[in-house]
Protein backbone atom coordinates (compact mmCIF):
# COMPACT_ATOMS: atom_id res chain seq x y z
CA MET A 1 1.78 23.59 -4.61
CA ALA A 2 2.55 19.74 -6.54
CA ALA A 3 0.62 17.02 -4.98
CA LEU A 4 2.62 14.20 -4.88
CA LEU A 5 2.72 11.35 -2.80
CA CYS A 6 4.99 8.98 -0.32
CA ALA A 7 5.74 5.53 -0.47
CA VAL A 8 7.46 3.29 2.10
CA ASP A 9 7.72 -0.55 1.37
CA VAL A 10 9.88 -2.46 4.42
CA GLY A 11 10.88 -5.62 3.14
CA THR A 12 12.87 -8.17 4.56
CA SER A 13 16.65 -6.50 3.98
CA SER A 14 16.03 -3.42 3.32
CA ALA A 15 13.52 0.20 3.65
CA ARG A 16 12.35 1.73 0.37
CA ALA A 17 10.87 4.85 -0.24
CA GLY A 18 8.99 6.70 -3.38
CA ILE A 19 7.50 9.53 -4.89
CA PHE A 20 5.34 9.53 -7.14
CA ASP A 21 2.91 12.10 -8.90
CA ARG A 22 -0.81 11.46 -8.96
CA THR A 23 -0.26 10.12 -12.68
CA GLY A 24 1.70 7.30 -10.79
CA ARG A 25 5.04 8.40 -12.54
CA GLN A 26 7.79 7.25 -10.29
CA LEU A 27 9.75 10.29 -9.10
CA GLY A 28 12.70 9.83 -6.78
CA ARG A 29 13.20 6.52 -4.78
CA ALA A 30 15.88 5.72 -1.81
CA GLU A 31 16.89 2.37 -0.12
CA CYS A 32 18.08 1.67 3.24
CA ALA A 33 19.73 -2.04 5.00
CA ILE A 34 17.72 -2.71 7.91
CA ALA A 35 18.87 -5.19 10.41
CA MET A 36 17.92 -8.82 10.92
CA ASN A 37 19.08 -10.99 13.69
CA ARG A 38 19.15 -15.12 13.08
CA ALA A 39 20.04 -16.81 16.76
CA THR A 40 19.20 -20.02 14.66
CA PRO A 41 17.95 -21.07 11.76
CA ASP A 42 14.17 -21.18 12.39
CA HIS A 43 14.75 -17.90 14.46
CA ALA A 44 14.16 -14.45 12.46
CA GLU A 45 14.02 -11.13 14.24
CA HIS A 46 13.70 -7.22 13.61
CA ASP A 47 13.91 -4.32 15.58
CA SER A 48 11.30 -2.10 14.87
CA GLU A 49 13.34 1.20 16.03
CA ASP A 50 15.57 0.60 13.10
CA ILE A 51 13.16 -0.27 11.16
CA TRP A 52 11.35 3.19 11.54
CA ARG A 53 14.51 4.84 11.97
CA ALA A 54 15.75 3.31 8.20
CA VAL A 55 12.52 4.37 6.72
CA CYS A 56 13.04 7.71 7.54
CA ARG A 57 16.19 7.91 6.33
CA ALA A 58 14.77 6.45 2.81
CA VAL A 59 11.82 8.78 2.47
CA ARG A 60 14.48 11.53 3.24
CA SER A 61 16.47 10.43 0.30
CA ALA A 62 13.62 9.97 -1.83
CA ARG A 63 12.36 13.30 -1.58
CA GLU A 64 15.38 14.93 -1.89
CA ALA A 65 16.06 12.79 -5.49
CA ALA A 66 12.58 13.87 -6.64
CA GLY A 67 13.51 17.37 -6.17
CA ALA A 68 10.65 17.95 -3.79
CA VAL A 69 9.78 20.24 -1.38
CA ALA A 70 8.60 18.40 2.27
CA ARG A 71 5.05 20.44 1.31
CA ASP A 72 4.45 18.77 -2.12
CA ILE A 73 3.54 15.42 -0.09
CA VAL A 74 0.17 15.04 0.22
CA GLY A 75 -0.48 11.51 1.37
CA ILE A 76 2.15 8.82 2.49
CA SER A 77 1.42 5.22 3.00
CA PHE A 78 2.86 1.52 4.14
CA ASP A 79 3.31 -1.87 3.02
CA ALA A 80 5.79 -4.19 4.98
CA THR A 81 6.23 -7.71 5.49
CA CYS A 82 3.75 -9.68 7.38
CA SER A 83 6.18 -9.71 10.61
CA THR A 84 4.75 -9.27 14.03
CA VAL A 85 5.58 -6.19 16.27
CA PHE A 86 5.62 -6.47 20.33
CA ARG A 87 5.06 -3.56 22.49
CA SER A 88 4.46 -2.75 26.00
CA SER A 89 1.42 -0.58 26.74
CA ARG A 90 3.20 2.83 26.76
CA GLY A 91 4.80 1.68 23.25
CA GLU A 92 8.38 0.24 25.01
CA GLN A 93 9.51 -2.29 22.86
CA VAL A 94 9.22 -5.73 23.88
CA GLY A 95 11.93 -8.71 23.62
CA ILE A 96 10.60 -11.88 21.70
CA SER A 97 14.42 -13.48 21.16
CA ALA A 98 15.04 -16.33 23.22
CA ALA A 99 18.66 -14.86 23.55
CA GLY A 100 17.13 -12.24 25.46
CA GLY A 101 16.87 -8.44 25.71
CA ASP A 102 14.08 -5.82 24.26
CA ARG A 103 15.95 -4.69 21.00
CA TRP A 104 14.53 -7.86 19.08
CA ASP A 105 11.05 -6.97 19.12
CA THR A 106 9.66 -7.86 16.26
CA ILE A 107 9.28 -11.53 14.07
CA VAL A 108 10.58 -11.53 10.99
CA TRP A 109 7.28 -13.31 8.29
CA LEU A 110 10.00 -16.11 7.28
CA ASP A 111 10.40 -17.14 11.28
CA HIS A 112 9.13 -20.44 11.35
CA ARG A 113 9.68 -21.06 15.46
CA ALA A 114 5.73 -21.84 15.59
CA LEU A 115 5.56 -25.20 13.60
CA ALA A 116 4.14 -26.80 16.20
CA GLU A 117 2.02 -24.14 17.30
CA ALA A 118 0.85 -24.00 13.60
CA ASP A 119 -0.26 -27.40 13.78
CA GLU A 120 -2.28 -27.18 16.55
CA CYS A 121 -4.08 -24.40 15.47
CA SER A 122 -4.70 -26.99 12.07
CA ALA A 123 -6.03 -29.30 14.25
CA THR A 124 -8.69 -27.42 16.08
CA GLY A 125 -10.64 -27.88 12.77
CA HIS A 126 -12.30 -24.45 13.29
CA GLU A 127 -14.12 -22.35 10.67
CA VAL A 128 -11.30 -19.61 10.50
CA LEU A 129 -9.16 -22.47 8.55
CA GLY A 130 -11.31 -22.31 5.60
CA TYR A 131 -10.24 -18.87 4.95
CA VAL A 132 -6.62 -19.61 5.26
CA GLY A 133 -6.60 -22.89 2.79
CA GLY A 134 -7.28 -25.70 5.40
CA VAL A 135 -3.82 -25.42 7.31
CA MET A 136 -2.44 -22.47 9.77
CA SER A 137 0.97 -21.43 8.47
CA PRO A 138 3.85 -20.83 10.78
CA GLU A 139 3.82 -17.50 8.77
CA MET A 140 0.72 -15.82 10.06
CA ALA A 141 0.34 -14.07 13.58
CA THR A 142 -1.91 -16.49 15.87
CA PRO A 143 0.85 -19.57 16.02
CA LYS A 144 3.66 -17.38 16.82
CA LEU A 145 1.77 -15.67 19.47
CA MET A 146 1.20 -18.57 21.09
CA TRP A 147 4.80 -19.36 20.96
CA VAL A 148 5.75 -16.43 22.47
CA LYS A 149 2.94 -17.00 25.87
CA ARG A 150 4.17 -20.32 25.99
CA ASN A 151 8.26 -19.86 25.37
CA LEU A 152 8.89 -16.06 26.88
CA PRO A 153 6.01 -15.79 29.42
CA GLU A 154 7.44 -12.54 30.59
CA SER A 155 7.55 -10.75 27.38
CA TRP A 156 3.78 -11.91 26.76
CA ALA A 157 3.25 -10.41 30.07
CA ARG A 158 4.25 -6.90 28.86
CA THR A 159 2.68 -7.10 25.97
CA GLY A 160 0.18 -4.33 25.14
CA GLN A 161 0.21 -3.32 21.95
CA LEU A 162 0.93 -6.01 18.92
CA PHE A 163 1.00 -4.45 15.52
CA ASP A 164 1.37 -6.44 12.07
CA LEU A 165 4.61 -4.36 10.49
CA ALA A 166 2.48 -2.22 8.43
CA ASP A 167 0.08 -0.81 10.76
CA TYR A 168 3.05 -0.37 13.28
CA LEU A 169 4.41 2.23 10.83
CA THR A 170 0.89 3.85 10.51
CA HIS A 171 0.70 4.09 13.90
CA ARG A 172 4.20 5.76 14.18
CA ALA A 173 3.51 7.85 11.58
CA SER A 174 -0.20 8.92 12.64
CA GLY A 175 -0.74 7.58 16.20
CA SER A 176 -3.46 6.14 14.99
CA LEU A 177 -3.94 2.29 16.52
CA ALA A 178 -6.38 1.08 13.51
CA ARG A 179 -5.45 -1.82 11.28
CA SER A 180 -5.41 -2.66 7.71
CA GLN A 181 -8.14 -5.01 6.76
CA CYS A 182 -5.60 -6.25 4.94
CA THR A 183 -3.21 -7.17 7.25
CA LEU A 184 -5.82 -8.44 9.87
CA THR A 185 -8.02 -10.46 7.52
CA ALA A 186 -4.78 -12.07 5.65
CA LYS A 187 -2.62 -12.73 8.80
CA TRP A 188 -4.92 -12.84 12.27
CA THR A 189 -7.54 -14.60 11.28
CA TYR A 190 -10.25 -11.76 11.06
CA LEU A 191 -13.20 -12.62 8.62
CA ALA A 192 -14.13 -8.90 6.84
CA HIS A 193 -17.07 -10.18 5.88
CA GLU A 194 -18.92 -10.47 8.62
CA CYS A 195 -20.75 -8.41 11.36
CA GLU A 196 -18.19 -10.04 14.13
CA GLY A 197 -15.31 -10.18 12.34
CA TRP A 198 -13.09 -11.66 15.20
CA ARG A 199 -13.63 -15.28 16.66
CA HIS A 200 -13.09 -15.34 19.85
CA ASP A 201 -13.86 -19.20 20.49
CA PHE A 202 -10.66 -19.55 17.67
CA PHE A 203 -8.25 -17.98 20.31
CA ALA A 204 -9.95 -19.71 23.17
CA ARG A 205 -8.83 -22.97 21.34
CA VAL A 206 -5.41 -22.52 20.84
CA GLY A 207 -4.77 -20.27 24.09
CA LEU A 208 -5.21 -16.77 23.12
CA ALA A 209 -8.25 -16.05 25.30
CA ASP A 210 -6.29 -12.84 26.61
CA ILE A 211 -5.03 -11.59 23.37
CA PHE A 212 -7.49 -8.74 23.33
CA GLU A 213 -5.73 -7.61 26.49
CA HIS A 214 -2.45 -8.32 24.97
CA ALA A 215 -2.62 -6.48 21.61
CA ALA A 216 -5.01 -3.34 21.57
CA LEU A 217 -7.23 -4.72 18.78
CA PRO A 218 -10.03 -3.12 17.57
CA GLN A 219 -13.40 -4.35 16.63
CA ARG A 220 -13.72 -3.38 12.91
CA ALA A 221 -10.18 -2.90 10.98
CA SER A 222 -9.65 0.19 8.54
CA PRO A 223 -10.28 -0.56 4.90
CA VAL A 224 -7.00 -0.21 2.77
CA GLY A 225 -6.63 3.62 2.38
CA THR A 226 -8.57 4.60 4.79
CA ASP A 227 -7.30 8.21 5.92
CA LEU A 228 -5.56 7.51 9.56
CA GLY A 229 -5.24 11.57 9.90
CA PRO A 230 -2.44 13.75 9.46
CA LEU A 231 1.01 12.65 10.60
CA THR A 232 2.21 13.81 13.90
CA PRO A 233 4.46 16.68 14.36
CA ALA A 234 6.82 13.69 16.07
CA ALA A 235 6.97 11.39 12.88
CA ALA A 236 6.69 14.64 10.15
CA GLU A 237 10.25 15.97 11.96
CA ALA A 238 11.39 12.54 11.79
CA LEU A 239 10.12 11.70 8.09
CA GLY A 240 11.17 15.31 6.77
CA LEU A 241 7.68 15.93 5.77
CA THR A 242 4.94 18.11 6.86
CA ILE A 243 1.37 17.61 9.29
CA GLY A 244 -0.42 18.45 6.25
CA CYS A 245 0.39 15.16 5.29
CA ARG A 246 -2.39 12.56 5.33
CA VAL A 247 -1.49 8.75 6.55
CA GLY A 248 -3.23 5.98 4.50
CA ALA A 249 -4.27 2.22 6.25
CA GLY A 250 -1.71 0.20 4.48
CA LEU A 251 -1.09 -3.16 3.71
CA ILE A 252 1.41 -6.38 3.44
CA ASP A 253 4.35 -5.71 0.69
CA ALA A 254 2.97 -8.88 -1.81
CA PHE A 255 -0.89 -6.95 -1.54
CA ALA A 256 0.56 -3.81 -2.66
CA GLY A 257 2.20 -5.26 -5.32
CA ALA A 258 -1.17 -7.00 -6.61
CA LEU A 259 -2.29 -3.38 -6.45
CA GLY A 260 0.38 -2.17 -8.40
CA VAL A 261 0.07 -4.37 -11.11
CA ILE A 262 -3.62 -5.76 -11.57
CA GLY A 263 -5.60 -2.84 -9.16
CA GLY A 264 -6.21 -0.72 -12.76
CA LEU A 265 -7.39 -3.82 -14.84
CA SER A 266 -11.31 -5.05 -15.79
CA GLY A 267 -11.17 -8.61 -16.80
CA ILE A 268 -9.59 -8.97 -13.28
CA GLU A 269 -10.03 -12.78 -13.14
CA ARG A 270 -7.82 -13.24 -16.28
CA HIS A 271 -4.68 -11.92 -14.22
CA LEU A 272 -2.46 -12.83 -11.86
CA ALA A 273 -0.33 -10.89 -9.82
CA LEU A 274 3.20 -12.59 -9.25
CA ILE A 275 5.44 -10.48 -6.35
CA ALA A 276 8.69 -12.65 -6.49
CA GLY A 277 12.00 -11.31 -4.51
CA THR A 278 13.22 -13.23 -1.11
CA SER A 279 9.96 -15.44 -1.57
CA SER A 280 7.11 -15.03 -4.02
CA CYS A 281 2.89 -14.42 -3.86
CA VAL A 282 0.87 -14.94 -6.48
CA MET A 283 -2.48 -13.16 -6.32
CA ALA A 284 -5.54 -13.40 -7.81
CA MET A 285 -8.58 -11.47 -7.21
CA SER A 286 -12.53 -11.97 -8.40
CA ALA A 287 -16.03 -10.72 -7.54
CA GLU A 288 -17.17 -13.98 -5.52
CA PRO A 289 -15.32 -16.01 -2.98
CA ARG A 290 -13.32 -19.18 -4.07
CA ALA A 291 -12.30 -21.35 -1.37
CA PHE A 292 -9.99 -24.35 -1.08
CA ALA A 293 -7.31 -26.26 -0.04
CA GLY A 294 -3.74 -25.04 -0.37
CA VAL A 295 -4.36 -21.57 -1.38
CA TRP A 296 -5.04 -18.95 1.41
CA GLY A 297 -8.22 -16.76 1.38
CA PRO A 298 -10.57 -16.09 0.00
CA TYR A 299 -9.68 -12.61 1.71
CA PHE A 300 -12.45 -10.16 1.79
CA GLY A 301 -11.34 -6.82 0.61
CA ALA A 302 -7.89 -6.99 1.57
CA ALA A 303 -6.95 -5.48 -1.37
CA LEU A 304 -9.68 -3.57 -3.34
CA PRO A 305 -12.99 -3.08 -1.66
CA CYS A 306 -16.19 -5.80 -2.68
CA LEU A 307 -13.37 -8.00 -3.92
CA TRP A 308 -12.13 -11.52 -2.73
CA LEU A 309 -8.31 -12.34 -3.50
CA SER A 310 -6.82 -15.87 -3.32
CA GLU A 311 -3.34 -15.95 -2.05
CA GLY A 312 -0.48 -18.62 -3.05
CA GLY A 313 3.46 -19.12 -2.50
CA GLN A 314 6.19 -20.09 -2.84
CA SER A 315 8.02 -19.34 1.01
CA ALA A 316 11.82 -19.48 -0.42
CA THR A 317 12.53 -18.38 -4.42
CA GLY A 318 15.60 -15.57 -4.83
CA ALA A 319 16.03 -16.45 -1.05
CA LEU A 320 16.62 -20.95 -2.76
CA LEU A 321 19.08 -19.61 -5.78
CA ASP A 322 20.98 -17.85 -3.00
CA HIS A 323 21.35 -20.65 -1.06
CA VAL A 324 22.54 -22.56 -4.05
CA ILE A 325 25.34 -20.51 -4.77
CA ARG A 326 26.22 -20.80 -1.00
CA TRP A 327 26.05 -24.22 -0.64
CA HIS A 328 27.99 -25.61 -4.02
CA GLY A 329 31.52 -25.85 -3.70
CA ALA A 330 32.09 -23.46 -6.27
CA GLY A 331 29.77 -20.66 -5.12
CA GLY A 332 30.43 -17.71 -2.98
CA GLU A 333 28.66 -14.74 -1.62
CA PRO A 334 25.61 -14.91 -3.76
CA ASP A 335 25.46 -10.89 -4.77
CA ALA A 336 24.45 -9.25 -8.06
CA ALA A 337 27.44 -10.12 -9.74
CA MET A 338 27.54 -13.22 -8.66
CA HIS A 339 23.78 -14.03 -9.96
CA ARG A 340 24.82 -12.39 -13.09
CA ARG A 341 27.97 -14.31 -13.79
CA ILE A 342 25.91 -17.52 -13.37
CA CYS A 343 23.21 -16.52 -16.01
CA GLU A 344 25.61 -15.63 -18.22
CA ARG A 345 27.27 -18.80 -18.12
CA ILE A 346 23.93 -20.59 -18.35
CA VAL A 347 23.50 -18.79 -21.80
CA GLU A 348 26.60 -19.91 -22.86
CA LEU A 349 25.79 -23.52 -21.98
CA ARG A 350 22.06 -23.30 -24.00
CA ALA A 351 23.50 -22.00 -26.62
CA ALA A 352 25.49 -25.24 -26.81
CA GLU A 353 23.25 -27.61 -25.11
CA GLY A 354 19.73 -26.14 -25.44
CA LEU A 355 16.59 -26.85 -23.34
CA ASP A 356 17.98 -29.77 -22.21
CA LEU A 357 20.80 -28.44 -20.56
CA ALA A 358 21.21 -30.02 -17.35
CA GLY A 359 17.93 -32.77 -18.20
CA ARG A 360 17.95 -35.40 -15.80
CA LEU A 361 18.75 -33.01 -12.92
CA HIS A 362 15.40 -32.01 -11.27
CA VAL A 363 14.62 -30.21 -8.40
CA LEU A 364 11.50 -30.12 -5.73
CA PRO A 365 12.38 -26.38 -4.11
CA ASP A 366 10.72 -27.00 -1.06
CA PHE A 367 13.48 -26.01 0.60
CA HIS A 368 11.40 -23.91 3.12
CA GLY A 369 8.35 -25.75 3.37
CA ASN A 370 5.43 -25.49 0.90
CA ARG A 371 3.36 -22.79 1.19
CA SER A 372 0.76 -23.31 -1.94
CA PRO A 373 -0.83 -25.44 -2.67
CA LEU A 374 0.19 -28.57 -0.47
CA ALA A 375 -0.23 -26.20 2.07
CA ASP A 376 2.96 -28.48 4.02
CA PRO A 377 5.38 -26.21 6.46
CA HIS A 378 7.39 -29.63 6.38
CA ALA A 379 8.03 -30.44 3.14
CA LEU A 380 11.58 -30.12 2.43
CA GLY A 381 13.19 -29.59 -0.64
CA VAL A 382 14.69 -32.41 -3.01
CA ILE A 383 17.67 -32.36 -5.80
CA SER A 384 17.54 -35.76 -8.29
CA GLY A 385 20.21 -36.06 -10.36
CA LEU A 386 23.76 -35.26 -9.02
CA THR A 387 27.03 -36.53 -10.08
CA LEU A 388 31.03 -36.30 -8.63
CA ASP A 389 31.25 -32.83 -10.87
CA ALA A 390 31.93 -29.92 -8.33
CA SER A 391 33.13 -27.19 -11.06
CA PHE A 392 31.17 -23.92 -11.80
CA ASP A 393 29.56 -25.11 -14.13
CA SER A 394 27.73 -27.84 -12.26
CA LEU A 395 26.90 -24.88 -10.01
CA CYS A 396 25.22 -23.17 -12.69
CA ARG A 397 23.38 -26.31 -14.02
CA LEU A 398 22.00 -26.72 -10.50
CA TYR A 399 20.88 -22.95 -10.67
CA TRP A 400 19.21 -23.17 -13.94
CA ARG A 401 17.68 -26.43 -12.98
CA THR A 402 16.68 -24.99 -9.52
CA ALA A 403 15.19 -21.48 -11.46
CA VAL A 404 13.11 -24.14 -13.88
CA ALA A 405 11.45 -25.72 -10.57
CA ILE A 406 10.78 -22.55 -9.02
CA ALA A 407 8.46 -21.64 -12.25
CA LEU A 408 7.17 -25.23 -12.51
CA GLY A 409 6.24 -24.51 -8.15
CA VAL A 410 3.88 -20.91 -9.88
CA ARG A 411 2.60 -23.36 -12.54
CA HIS A 412 1.22 -25.85 -9.64
CA VAL A 413 -0.15 -23.35 -8.07
CA LEU A 414 -1.80 -21.80 -11.40
CA ASP A 415 -3.82 -25.18 -12.24
CA ALA A 416 -4.74 -25.05 -8.35
CA LEU A 417 -6.29 -21.53 -9.07
CA ASN A 418 -7.51 -22.23 -12.39
CA ALA A 419 -9.48 -25.62 -11.50
CA ASN A 420 -11.14 -23.63 -8.88
CA GLY A 421 -13.27 -21.08 -10.74
CA TYR A 422 -10.27 -18.72 -12.05
CA VAL A 423 -9.29 -18.41 -15.91
CA ILE A 424 -5.66 -17.27 -15.61
CA ASP A 425 -3.57 -16.63 -19.14
CA THR A 426 -1.46 -13.39 -17.67
CA LEU A 427 0.90 -13.54 -15.38
CA HIS A 428 2.23 -9.37 -13.88
CA VAL A 429 5.47 -10.16 -12.64
CA THR A 430 6.96 -7.14 -9.96
CA GLY A 431 9.91 -7.55 -7.85
CA GLY A 432 13.13 -8.71 -7.61
CA HIS A 433 13.13 -11.17 -10.31
CA THR A 434 12.33 -8.97 -13.06
CA ARG A 435 16.18 -8.57 -12.59
CA ASN A 436 16.36 -12.12 -13.43
CA PRO A 437 16.35 -13.00 -17.23
CA LEU A 438 16.56 -16.47 -16.89
CA LEU A 439 13.53 -16.29 -14.37
CA MET A 440 11.20 -14.23 -16.20
CA GLU A 441 12.07 -16.50 -19.98
CA LEU A 442 11.05 -19.27 -17.90
CA TYR A 443 7.67 -17.90 -16.04
CA ALA A 444 6.55 -17.64 -19.72
CA ASP A 445 7.88 -20.43 -21.07
CA ALA A 446 7.05 -22.75 -18.18
CA THR A 447 3.42 -21.83 -17.56
CA GLY A 448 2.37 -21.12 -20.72
CA CYS A 449 1.31 -17.69 -20.02
CA THR A 450 1.70 -13.88 -21.03
CA VAL A 451 3.71 -12.54 -18.86
CA ILE A 452 3.74 -8.44 -18.39
CA GLU A 453 6.66 -6.93 -16.58
CA PRO A 454 5.93 -3.13 -15.23
CA SER A 455 7.78 -0.57 -16.79
CA GLY A 456 6.81 2.26 -14.61
CA GLY A 457 9.67 1.25 -11.89
CA ASP A 458 8.97 -0.04 -8.67
CA ALA A 459 5.42 -1.61 -8.79
CA VAL A 460 5.13 -2.37 -5.02
CA LEU A 461 5.69 1.40 -4.13
CA LEU A 462 3.47 2.30 -7.05
CA GLY A 463 0.84 0.27 -5.34
CA THR A 464 1.73 2.00 -1.51
CA ALA A 465 1.18 4.98 -3.37
CA MET A 466 -2.18 4.64 -4.94
CA VAL A 467 -3.43 3.75 -1.62
CA ALA A 468 -1.61 7.33 -0.31
CA ALA A 469 -3.47 9.03 -2.67
CA ALA A 470 -6.86 7.82 -1.78
CA ALA A 471 -6.03 8.54 2.15
CA ALA A 472 -4.83 11.80 0.35
CA GLY A 473 -8.43 12.44 -1.27
CA LEU A 474 -6.79 13.11 -4.82
CA TYR A 475 -9.57 10.68 -5.80
CA SER A 476 -12.78 9.25 -4.67
CA ASN A 477 -11.56 5.90 -3.43
CA LEU A 478 -9.08 3.03 -3.65
CA ALA A 479 -10.43 2.15 -6.86
CA ALA A 480 -10.59 5.04 -8.88
CA ALA A 481 -6.95 6.03 -8.03
CA CYS A 482 -5.73 2.47 -9.18
CA SER A 483 -7.26 3.05 -12.42
CA ALA A 484 -5.53 6.54 -12.80
CA MET A 485 -2.19 5.46 -11.84
CA HIS A 486 -1.85 2.36 -13.56
CA GLN A 487 1.58 1.96 -15.43
CA HIS A 488 1.70 -0.20 -18.35
CA GLY A 489 4.04 -3.20 -19.40
CA HIS A 490 6.09 -5.04 -21.64
CA ALA A 491 4.51 -8.18 -22.91
CA ARG A 492 7.05 -11.84 -23.38
CA HIS A 493 4.89 -14.46 -24.82
CA PRO A 494 5.75 -18.25 -23.83
CA ASN A 495 8.02 -20.02 -26.61
CA PRO A 496 6.00 -22.61 -28.31
CA ALA A 497 9.03 -24.50 -28.95
CA ALA A 498 10.07 -24.77 -25.14
CA ARG A 499 6.51 -26.63 -24.25
CA THR A 500 7.33 -30.17 -24.55
CA ARG A 501 10.73 -30.10 -22.53
CA PHE A 502 8.75 -27.86 -19.74
CA ASP A 503 5.50 -30.19 -19.98
CA CYS A 504 8.29 -33.33 -19.27
CA ASP A 505 9.89 -31.11 -16.70
CA TYR A 506 6.48 -30.67 -14.74
CA ARG A 507 5.45 -34.12 -15.39
CA VAL A 508 8.30 -35.14 -13.39
CA PHE A 509 8.00 -32.35 -11.08
CA LEU A 510 4.39 -33.61 -9.61
CA GLU A 511 5.95 -37.44 -9.65
CA MET A 512 8.47 -35.90 -7.66
CA HIS A 513 5.94 -34.45 -4.95
CA ARG A 514 4.23 -37.68 -5.21
CA GLN A 515 7.38 -40.01 -4.10
CA ARG A 516 8.84 -37.60 -1.61
CA GLN A 517 5.11 -38.00 0.40
CA ALA A 518 5.78 -42.41 -0.10
CA LEU A 519 9.23 -41.66 1.52
CA ASP A 520 7.83 -39.81 4.11
CA ALA A 521 4.80 -42.07 4.64
CA ILE A 522 8.17 -45.22 5.52
CA THR A 523 10.08 -43.01 7.58
């Protein structure tokens, strides 16, 4: 019997599954769309039953694509966005949509309905804020729970179980109410490095003294890759697997990507994982905690045991490029064909104008707030240098300069990390941005770092397969699984001739941040 592994990755718009062997080679992959409800611009909701059905379809299709039989799959684990699932004590869906009903029971990670509640959390000055960059984000669990309790009290009264989405999926698969050290530490203010991880006084100060009556939270989190037991018979049937398959404590999707690209490396403090899709996360690990404003963490054991992790990011990157296409009069639907057409035209324009293409057009990419390093969810995007040109070429110029701004945003986070003890000179990129040649070029040229693109397929799924391998006992621990399953990538080095142009752009970028803050102070 082959010893194969199943990894499931639930993103913002789809559920993906991959089948891997114990060396980390991807044998099959499948993807199924999931629904999202956007009643208002700041509200976004999933249906957890729809997600589970999509997961089951993706797993069955991936296994078929790999040519594997059910008994070959010895371990499974799940990664997902940091979305929040509401269930009753009997496991029934509890709706959290302002429109009513119980279908939409999951607040999506990008939902910003709880901005005011996040500000209240930050105003407490509590010690837990020292492990989230000093400022609570509306994308974390606590402010979202506060919002539901205040605005949907009947839903709050019915809630008996609360899950980060990855924990909901391991619960659905195994029946276990265990929660991952990754999810609780990164999004629920759990302090994994302390003997008593929960700070009850913090919850009391923000009106959530009753959280433990509604959440079914454990006193201790389970390290990533912990064996939570076998698949339940119902889950095995739904997934097309067997009850001999072990379920591993999962993790947030970006953390899985970090494991997939840097989990097996030595000298880890020189390496940064950039997990880039709808949004972008950057992750660095170290043996010692490094706490500083504007970067989330340090989180203890949130990915690899005994290592601290610092997390930065941008709340809208791929989503911002999509928005630019929809917003511009010469745009349209931002599908793969449109992105490809724009990129091809930019290459032609650059052949004529060089790196100075649209050189007086500048963008601040904070259209959904600034996650790092300013930690300002109220920040707004800025475009400077517009003309009356509404042609397709003007869209291409705006797209190009928006892509430059996204890369400069990564440089901004890098500067913060390296000013606080890191020595990062290599970026490992995974996610949808690897399919955009302009972004991949810019990540090297605008940051001055060597960029590594994984060659072994989907690195997020690979990271979750490493977790499944640890749970199944194929390796002695998660670190060993990461080392054994690591896949090498292709290196892209920065173009020295581009340095002067992007250094100039970066100075403008920083000045625009200062000027925006000055304008905000006036108004």
